[in-house]
Structure formats: C-alpha cells, structure tokens
Amino acid sequence: MTLSERARAALQAIEIPRARRSLGDLVENLSIDGKTAHVRMRLLPAYVSKSQLKAWAEQALKTLPEIEAVHIEFAQTPRQAPRVARPPQKLSFPQIAHIVAIFSGKGGVGKSTVGVNLAVALAQLGTRVGLFDADVHGPNIPTLLGLAEPPAVHAGKLIPICKYGVHAMSIGLLVGGGDPLIWRGPMISKAINELLESTAWPELDYLIVDMPPGTGDAQLGLAQDVELSGAIAVTTPQEVALSDVRRGIGAFQKLNVPIIGIIENMAYYLCPQCGHRAYIFGQGGGEKEAQRQNMKLLGQIPLDPKLRELGDAGVPIVIAAPSSPAAVEFSRIAQAVHTYFHKG
C-alpha cells in the first residue's frame, strides 16, 4: 500500500460524531510532498467545526511516521468562495405544499413555543405537518417536543422524528445540548440549507420553520434560497417588541414573502380563580400593529404558566391541556392559517 493510500485509510478511520460519515468521505484531494501532507476537504458546518476537522486530520496523518507536517485547506469556505450573486434557482421541495416561517424581531417573545403549538394544532386538524428548527444559536424545538435522541439516517438522508403528529428536525438533535455553535453569517445560511436539504421530508401540507430572532443572515438567506409560502410574525404587546417585529415584517416584504398575519403572545394574564385579565405587558399592542400594517391579527395568546411548565416537560399545551384558553387560541390560529391557504 502506498503512502497516499495509507494516509487516506487513516482519515477514513475517523468517524464524525452524529454525521454518520468518516473524515475520509470529506477529502477532495490528498497529496504528499516530501514529509508534508496536503489535504483539501469539504466542511460540514451543520455537524462539526473547521478547527475540529483540522485537529482530527492532523492527528490521524501524523500517526504515519513518514508524515511530519500537515497542511489543511477547505473547499468553498465563506472566505474563499467567490463573491457572486445568489443563483436564481431555489431549493426545491416538491413534496411540501406550503413552507411557513415563524419569526420575531427579538428573542424572548415565545416564538418557538408558538411554532411548536401551531404545528401540533395544524396536525390536529388532520393535515400533514413538519417542523424545522432553523434557530441554530438557540435550537429549542427538541426541548419543547421532548426529543433527545439523534435522528436516524437512511440512504444518506436524515429521517425527521415524528411526535404528536409532527415530523421534526433540529440542529439541536445533531449537536450536544451544551455545545456552543459559534458561526458567522454565511456559515449559518449554509448550515440551515444543508440540514433542510439533507432531511428526508415526507409528503407535507405544511412545513413550519422556526426562525432565529432578528433580521440577519439566517432569515434573509432562507427567504432567498427557499420558496416560502408565507411568514407569521410573533410579538408581545410592548413597544420594544413591536418596533423590532416591524423591521422583520419589512425585511420579509422586501423579499416578496407574504405576511400571513401577526400573533400577539403574552397578551394578558388570565387569573385562574376569578377570570380577571391583567395586561402585564400593555394592552392590544399586537392588534394595533396589525391594523397599522393592514394585516390580520391571527390571535392573542394569554400568559399562562402552564405554557412554560409543559414546554419544559416537552409536551405542547394543545396536547396536555386542550381546553385551556391558550390551547383554544392556538387551535383557532391553526384554523385561520389553514383557511388562509384554502380560501374558496
């Protein structure tokens, strides 16, 4: 066996955790000049960092006594990629009827909780629903659905995990729960697209996409790369949240993504004893914003401690407490969204 063949075998022996591939599968070119190995490989941003890949490759190749130095370069990294316009061809998912983005202008407004309960409520209507967690920095979908095990792989595709009638996929299922994901803008978009494309989505009526908060690369990249059927804004009543969600609405409008409507979360606190409504974060902010934007107010979700408790336990409130005011409102919102896509 030649030195190059032994070098490739050493890289092939390194298994990439959770990716179900070996390090050797990523190698595009390998050459040896004297005692230096030169390796060009592809990066898998959705699974492992560039520094970790380099460390593994160097460690594997230096086990060969003939190799003293290793030079690694990556194909199509953000720094090396030519600055060209995005291709007009978008990612294609013919088996999915409607892809709907759930977004917010800022964090902490309960966007992921809304996305999970909306997805399950749509499934309860008898529709086929998927849920994609695009929030790479704060993937909360596994916690909210009570998912812990990584997805299975079949024919090179990740199999979404089905729970409560919803087919779910999240970057949080592929990395450790406490592992930080320190990525720059271009890497975020690339990771989202790769995970979305590498998932074996079944026939779906709706794919609900839980976006990261704000109007950064993830939101803009997805809107440019995927044919979104619409987007739903999530806000709380206070002005600081409303001003941020306005920017998000404006960004999606500039990208010609229809805004289905606004959901006002934490709209009020309903006393379980006397039924009194306390408007802790202000009253009617989401409703006024919907009127100002000439958009539909899809619903007003009350501030309910059960939402937090059940979310931490991995059970959507529409499953655990279907007659609660919050669950009833989620079901009403799901019906409104379904009606939006089936007018007449």
Protein backbone atom coordinates (compact mmCIF):
# COMPACT_ATOMS: atom_id res chain seq x y z
CA MET A 1 0.00 0.00 0.00
CA THR A 2 1.40 3.40 -0.99
CA LEU A 3 1.85 6.25 1.49
CA SER A 4 -1.07 8.14 -0.06
CA GLU A 5 -3.31 5.09 0.30
CA ARG A 6 -2.29 4.66 3.92
CA ALA A 7 -2.94 8.35 4.55
CA ARG A 8 -6.43 8.07 3.09
CA ALA A 9 -7.08 4.95 5.17
CA ALA A 10 -6.04 6.83 8.33
CA LEU A 11 -8.54 9.60 7.55
CA GLN A 12 -11.24 7.08 6.65
CA ALA A 13 -10.90 5.53 10.11
CA ILE A 14 -12.01 8.76 11.83
CA GLU A 15 -15.78 8.75 12.38
CA ILE A 16 -17.52 12.17 12.60
CA PRO A 17 -19.95 12.02 15.55
CA ARG A 18 -23.64 12.23 14.60
CA ALA A 19 -22.88 12.87 10.92
CA ARG A 20 -22.67 9.13 10.19
CA ARG A 21 -19.69 9.80 7.89
CA SER A 22 -15.95 9.38 8.15
CA LEU A 23 -13.34 12.08 7.81
CA GLY A 24 -12.12 10.42 4.63
CA ASP A 25 -15.51 10.98 2.98
CA LEU A 26 -14.85 14.74 3.07
CA VAL A 27 -11.45 14.60 1.37
CA GLU A 28 -11.49 16.08 -2.14
CA ASN A 29 -7.74 15.91 -2.77
CA LEU A 30 -4.74 14.50 -0.92
CA SER A 31 -1.11 14.78 -1.99
CA ILE A 32 2.21 14.24 -0.22
CA ASP A 33 5.24 16.41 -0.90
CA GLY A 34 8.26 15.06 0.91
CA LYS A 35 7.15 14.77 4.54
CA THR A 36 4.23 17.18 4.22
CA ALA A 37 0.67 16.06 3.52
CA HIS A 38 -1.60 18.50 1.68
CA VAL A 39 -5.33 17.87 2.18
CA ARG A 40 -8.30 19.67 0.66
CA MET A 41 -11.64 18.78 2.23
CA ARG A 42 -15.23 19.88 2.42
CA LEU A 43 -16.67 21.47 5.56
CA LEU A 44 -19.84 20.16 7.24
CA PRO A 45 -20.96 23.23 9.23
CA ALA A 46 -24.12 21.57 10.46
CA TYR A 47 -22.13 18.88 12.26
CA VAL A 48 -18.60 19.96 13.24
CA SER A 49 -16.31 22.98 13.33
CA LYS A 50 -13.42 23.66 10.97
CA SER A 51 -10.89 23.60 13.83
CA GLN A 52 -12.11 20.19 14.98
CA LEU A 53 -11.82 18.73 11.48
CA LYS A 54 -8.27 20.08 11.18
CA ALA A 55 -7.30 18.65 14.56
CA TRP A 56 -8.65 15.21 13.68
CA ALA A 57 -6.95 15.20 10.27
CA GLU A 58 -3.56 16.26 11.66
CA GLN A 59 -3.74 13.72 14.47
CA ALA A 60 -4.66 10.88 12.07
CA LEU A 61 -1.99 11.68 9.47
CA LYS A 62 0.82 12.21 11.96
CA THR A 63 0.39 8.63 13.12
CA LEU A 64 2.24 7.77 9.91
CA PRO A 65 5.99 8.06 10.56
CA GLU A 66 6.66 9.37 7.05
CA ILE A 67 4.47 12.47 7.62
CA GLU A 68 5.77 15.26 9.84
CA ALA A 69 3.62 18.19 8.72
CA VAL A 70 0.00 18.52 7.57
CA HIS A 71 -1.48 21.38 5.56
CA ILE A 72 -5.31 21.55 5.50
CA GLU A 73 -7.48 23.73 3.28
CA PHE A 74 -11.26 23.74 2.94
CA ALA A 75 -13.29 23.87 -0.25
CA GLN A 76 -16.00 26.53 -0.55
CA THR A 77 -15.44 28.22 2.80
CA PRO A 78 -17.02 31.65 3.20
CA ARG A 79 -13.64 33.38 2.94
CA GLN A 80 -12.63 31.50 -0.19
CA ALA A 81 -15.95 31.48 -2.02
CA PRO A 82 -16.13 33.96 -4.90
CA ARG A 83 -18.46 36.89 -4.35
CA VAL A 84 -21.15 36.15 -6.88
CA ALA A 85 -24.86 36.84 -6.91
CA ARG A 86 -27.14 34.17 -5.49
CA PRO A 87 -28.36 31.80 -8.18
CA PRO A 88 -31.99 32.27 -9.12
CA GLN A 89 -32.64 28.56 -8.62
CA LYS A 90 -34.13 27.99 -5.18
CA LEU A 91 -34.04 24.80 -3.12
CA SER A 92 -36.81 22.53 -4.30
CA PHE A 93 -39.17 20.57 -2.05
CA PRO A 94 -41.94 19.35 -4.37
CA GLN A 95 -43.37 17.08 -1.66
CA ILE A 96 -44.15 20.08 0.59
CA ALA A 97 -47.21 22.15 -0.28
CA HIS A 98 -46.51 25.19 1.93
CA ILE A 99 -43.40 26.35 3.81
CA VAL A 100 -44.25 28.89 6.52
CA ALA A 101 -41.66 30.86 8.51
CA ILE A 102 -42.35 31.86 12.12
CA PHE A 103 -40.28 34.93 13.01
CA SER A 104 -39.87 37.61 15.66
CA GLY A 105 -37.90 40.81 15.84
CA LYS A 106 -36.30 39.92 19.17
CA GLY A 107 -35.76 36.96 21.43
CA GLY A 108 -37.84 36.13 24.46
CA VAL A 109 -41.28 36.58 22.91
CA GLY A 110 -42.12 32.86 22.86
CA LYS A 111 -41.66 32.32 19.13
CA SER A 112 -40.58 28.68 19.42
CA THR A 113 -43.42 27.87 21.82
CA VAL A 114 -45.83 29.40 19.33
CA GLY A 115 -44.26 27.48 16.44
CA VAL A 116 -44.48 24.11 18.21
CA ASN A 117 -48.08 24.53 19.36
CA LEU A 118 -49.16 25.88 15.97
CA ALA A 119 -47.56 22.90 14.21
CA VAL A 120 -49.26 20.40 16.53
CA ALA A 121 -52.59 22.25 16.27
CA LEU A 122 -52.36 22.08 12.47
CA ALA A 123 -51.71 18.34 12.73
CA GLN A 124 -54.78 18.04 14.93
CA LEU A 125 -56.80 19.47 12.03
CA GLY A 126 -55.82 16.39 10.05
CA THR A 127 -53.09 17.99 7.94
CA ARG A 128 -49.59 16.60 7.38
CA VAL A 129 -47.12 18.84 9.22
CA GLY A 130 -43.36 19.16 9.53
CA LEU A 131 -41.40 21.42 11.90
CA PHE A 132 -37.90 22.65 11.05
CA ASP A 133 -35.79 24.35 13.70
CA ALA A 134 -33.72 27.00 11.87
CA ASP A 135 -32.65 28.75 15.08
CA VAL A 136 -29.07 27.46 15.02
CA HIS A 137 -27.94 29.51 18.02
CA GLY A 138 -30.89 28.62 20.26
CA PRO A 139 -32.48 25.39 18.99
CA ASN A 140 -35.38 24.93 21.42
CA ILE A 141 -37.57 22.54 19.43
CA PRO A 142 -36.02 19.35 20.92
CA THR A 143 -36.79 20.58 24.45
CA LEU A 144 -40.32 21.74 23.60
CA LEU A 145 -41.14 18.39 21.95
CA GLY A 146 -39.23 16.24 24.43
CA LEU A 147 -36.75 14.92 21.85
CA ALA A 148 -33.31 13.70 22.90
CA GLU A 149 -32.08 11.00 20.50
CA PRO A 150 -30.39 11.94 17.21
CA PRO A 151 -32.34 11.19 14.04
CA ALA A 152 -31.82 8.01 12.09
CA VAL A 153 -30.15 8.05 8.69
CA HIS A 154 -31.43 6.20 5.62
CA ALA A 155 -29.94 6.35 2.14
CA GLY A 156 -27.80 9.33 3.14
CA LYS A 157 -30.79 11.33 4.44
CA LEU A 158 -31.76 12.28 7.98
CA ILE A 159 -35.17 10.93 8.99
CA PRO A 160 -37.25 13.53 10.83
CA ILE A 161 -38.56 12.43 14.22
CA CYS A 162 -42.34 12.22 14.37
CA LYS A 163 -44.00 13.21 17.63
CA TYR A 164 -47.51 14.49 18.35
CA GLY A 165 -48.23 14.05 14.65
CA VAL A 166 -45.43 16.43 13.59
CA HIS A 167 -42.26 15.47 11.67
CA ALA A 168 -39.47 17.47 13.36
CA MET A 169 -35.83 18.22 12.59
CA SER A 170 -33.47 20.47 14.53
CA ILE A 171 -29.77 21.25 14.63
CA GLY A 172 -30.17 20.63 18.37
CA LEU A 173 -30.60 16.92 17.63
CA LEU A 174 -27.19 16.78 15.93
CA VAL A 175 -25.00 18.61 18.45
CA GLY A 176 -24.65 18.27 22.19
CA GLY A 177 -27.19 20.21 24.24
CA GLY A 178 -24.49 22.33 25.84
CA ASP A 179 -22.24 22.71 22.80
CA PRO A 180 -21.99 26.33 21.58
CA LEU A 181 -22.35 26.98 17.86
CA ILE A 182 -20.02 29.87 17.04
CA TRP A 183 -20.73 30.55 13.39
CA ARG A 184 -20.59 33.63 11.23
CA GLY A 185 -23.40 34.72 8.92
CA PRO A 186 -22.51 32.77 5.74
CA MET A 187 -21.97 29.58 7.74
CA ILE A 188 -25.41 29.93 9.34
CA SER A 189 -27.18 30.06 5.98
CA LYS A 190 -25.10 27.16 4.66
CA ALA A 191 -25.83 25.02 7.73
CA ILE A 192 -29.58 25.72 7.56
CA ASN A 193 -29.73 24.88 3.86
CA GLU A 194 -27.67 21.72 4.26
CA LEU A 195 -29.80 20.44 7.13
CA LEU A 196 -33.03 21.32 5.34
CA GLU A 197 -31.90 19.56 2.15
CA SER A 198 -30.41 16.53 3.88
CA THR A 199 -33.68 15.76 5.69
CA ALA A 200 -35.99 13.18 4.12
CA TRP A 201 -39.19 15.19 4.47
CA PRO A 202 -42.32 13.15 3.71
CA GLU A 203 -45.34 14.49 1.84
CA LEU A 204 -46.42 17.54 3.86
CA ASP A 205 -49.19 20.08 3.71
CA TYR A 206 -47.18 22.45 5.89
CA LEU A 207 -43.56 22.80 6.94
CA ILE A 208 -43.36 25.24 9.84
CA VAL A 209 -39.92 26.86 10.11
CA ASP A 210 -38.90 28.27 13.49
CA MET A 211 -36.57 31.13 12.56
CA PRO A 212 -33.93 32.72 14.79
CA PRO A 213 -34.96 36.13 16.16
CA GLY A 214 -33.98 39.26 14.25
CA THR A 215 -33.36 40.01 10.59
CA GLY A 216 -29.91 38.56 9.98
CA ASP A 217 -28.34 36.11 7.54
CA ALA A 218 -30.46 33.15 8.58
CA GLN A 219 -33.74 34.91 7.84
CA LEU A 220 -32.62 36.62 4.65
CA GLY A 221 -30.77 33.57 3.37
CA LEU A 222 -33.72 31.24 3.89
CA ALA A 223 -36.14 33.67 2.26
CA GLN A 224 -33.84 33.90 -0.76
CA ASP A 225 -33.00 30.20 -1.03
CA VAL A 226 -36.39 28.64 -0.24
CA GLU A 227 -39.79 29.33 -1.80
CA LEU A 228 -41.64 30.47 1.32
CA SER A 229 -45.42 30.39 1.08
CA GLY A 230 -45.70 32.95 3.85
CA ALA A 231 -44.43 34.17 7.19
CA ILE A 232 -46.04 34.76 10.57
CA ALA A 233 -44.81 37.46 12.96
CA VAL A 234 -44.76 36.79 16.71
CA THR A 235 -44.62 39.70 19.14
CA THR A 236 -45.54 40.70 22.66
CA PRO A 237 -47.68 43.79 23.31
CA GLN A 238 -44.97 46.22 24.48
CA GLU A 239 -43.47 48.77 22.10
CA VAL A 240 -39.89 47.45 22.33
CA ALA A 241 -41.03 44.14 20.83
CA LEU A 242 -43.32 45.79 18.29
CA SER A 243 -40.60 48.07 16.95
CA ASP A 244 -38.37 45.06 16.37
CA VAL A 245 -41.06 42.98 14.69
CA ARG A 246 -41.77 45.88 12.30
CA ARG A 247 -38.24 45.52 10.97
CA GLY A 248 -38.79 41.81 10.45
CA ILE A 249 -42.04 42.42 8.61
CA GLY A 250 -40.32 44.99 6.41
CA ALA A 251 -37.47 42.60 5.60
CA PHE A 252 -39.81 39.80 4.50
CA GLN A 253 -41.92 42.22 2.49
CA LYS A 254 -38.84 43.42 0.61
CA LEU A 255 -38.12 39.80 -0.25
CA ASN A 256 -41.69 39.39 -1.53
CA VAL A 257 -42.67 36.89 1.17
CA PRO A 258 -46.38 37.23 2.05
CA ILE A 259 -47.08 38.01 5.70
CA ILE A 260 -49.94 35.76 6.80
CA GLY A 261 -50.53 37.72 9.98
CA ILE A 262 -49.38 38.65 13.47
CA ILE A 263 -49.65 36.60 16.65
CA GLU A 264 -49.59 38.53 19.93
CA ASN A 265 -48.07 36.31 22.62
CA MET A 266 -48.29 37.03 26.36
CA ALA A 267 -51.22 39.29 25.50
CA TYR A 268 -52.65 39.19 29.03
CA TYR A 269 -52.65 37.17 32.23
CA LEU A 270 -55.92 35.40 32.94
CA CYS A 271 -56.49 34.81 36.65
CA PRO A 272 -57.49 31.13 37.03
CA GLN A 273 -59.58 31.93 40.11
CA CYS A 274 -61.64 34.96 39.10
CA GLY A 275 -61.07 35.18 35.33
CA HIS A 276 -59.74 38.75 35.53
CA ARG A 277 -57.44 39.81 32.68
CA ALA A 278 -54.27 41.65 33.70
CA TYR A 279 -52.39 43.30 30.82
CA ILE A 280 -48.88 42.94 32.22
CA PHE A 281 -47.03 43.99 29.05
CA GLY A 282 -49.57 46.53 27.83
CA GLN A 283 -52.89 46.10 26.09
CA GLY A 284 -53.59 45.48 22.42
CA GLY A 285 -50.15 46.28 21.03
CA GLY A 286 -50.24 43.42 18.53
CA GLU A 287 -53.78 44.26 17.49
CA LYS A 288 -52.89 47.92 16.88
CA GLU A 289 -49.79 46.91 14.90
CA ALA A 290 -51.85 44.56 12.75
CA GLN A 291 -54.26 47.39 11.99
CA ARG A 292 -51.40 49.77 11.24
CA GLN A 293 -49.82 47.23 8.86
CA ASN A 294 -53.20 46.31 7.36
CA MET A 295 -52.58 42.70 8.37
CA LYS A 296 -54.63 40.04 10.08
CA LEU A 297 -54.26 39.57 13.83
CA LEU A 298 -54.22 35.78 13.93
CA GLY A 299 -54.63 35.52 17.67
CA GLN A 300 -53.76 36.70 21.17
CA ILE A 301 -52.14 34.04 23.37
CA PRO A 302 -52.59 34.60 27.12
CA LEU A 303 -49.64 34.48 29.51
CA ASP A 304 -50.12 31.04 31.03
CA PRO A 305 -47.64 29.42 33.45
CA LYS A 306 -48.68 26.04 32.00
CA LEU A 307 -47.11 27.00 28.68
CA ARG A 308 -43.71 27.28 30.34
CA GLU A 309 -44.16 24.23 32.57
CA LEU A 310 -45.39 21.99 29.76
CA GLY A 311 -42.75 23.33 27.36
CA ASP A 312 -40.01 22.40 29.81
CA ALA A 313 -41.59 18.96 30.08
CA GLY A 314 -41.67 18.56 26.30
CA VAL A 315 -45.46 18.47 25.95
CA PRO A 316 -47.31 21.14 23.90
CA ILE A 317 -50.23 22.72 25.73
CA VAL A 318 -52.57 21.82 22.85
CA ILE A 319 -51.86 18.18 23.79
CA ALA A 320 -51.73 18.36 27.59
CA ALA A 321 -54.48 20.93 28.23
CA PRO A 322 -56.57 21.23 25.06
CA SER A 323 -59.41 23.08 26.80
CA SER A 324 -57.14 25.77 28.32
CA PRO A 325 -57.53 29.33 26.95
CA ALA A 326 -54.05 29.21 25.39
CA ALA A 327 -54.68 25.87 23.67
CA VAL A 328 -58.06 27.00 22.38
CA GLU A 329 -56.43 30.11 20.92
CA PHE A 330 -53.68 28.06 19.26
CA SER A 331 -56.35 25.85 17.67
CA ARG A 332 -58.18 28.94 16.43
CA ILE A 333 -54.92 30.31 14.95
CA ALA A 334 -54.21 26.97 13.24
CA GLN A 335 -57.65 27.09 11.65
CA ALA A 336 -57.01 30.67 10.48
CA VAL A 337 -53.69 29.66 8.89
CA HIS A 338 -55.27 26.64 7.22
CA THR A 339 -58.07 28.85 5.90
CA TYR A 340 -55.52 31.33 4.53
CA PHE A 341 -54.15 28.66 2.21
CA HIS A 342 -57.54 27.23 1.28
CA LYS A 343 -59.64 30.29 0.52
CA GLY A 344 -62.59 29.16 -1.51
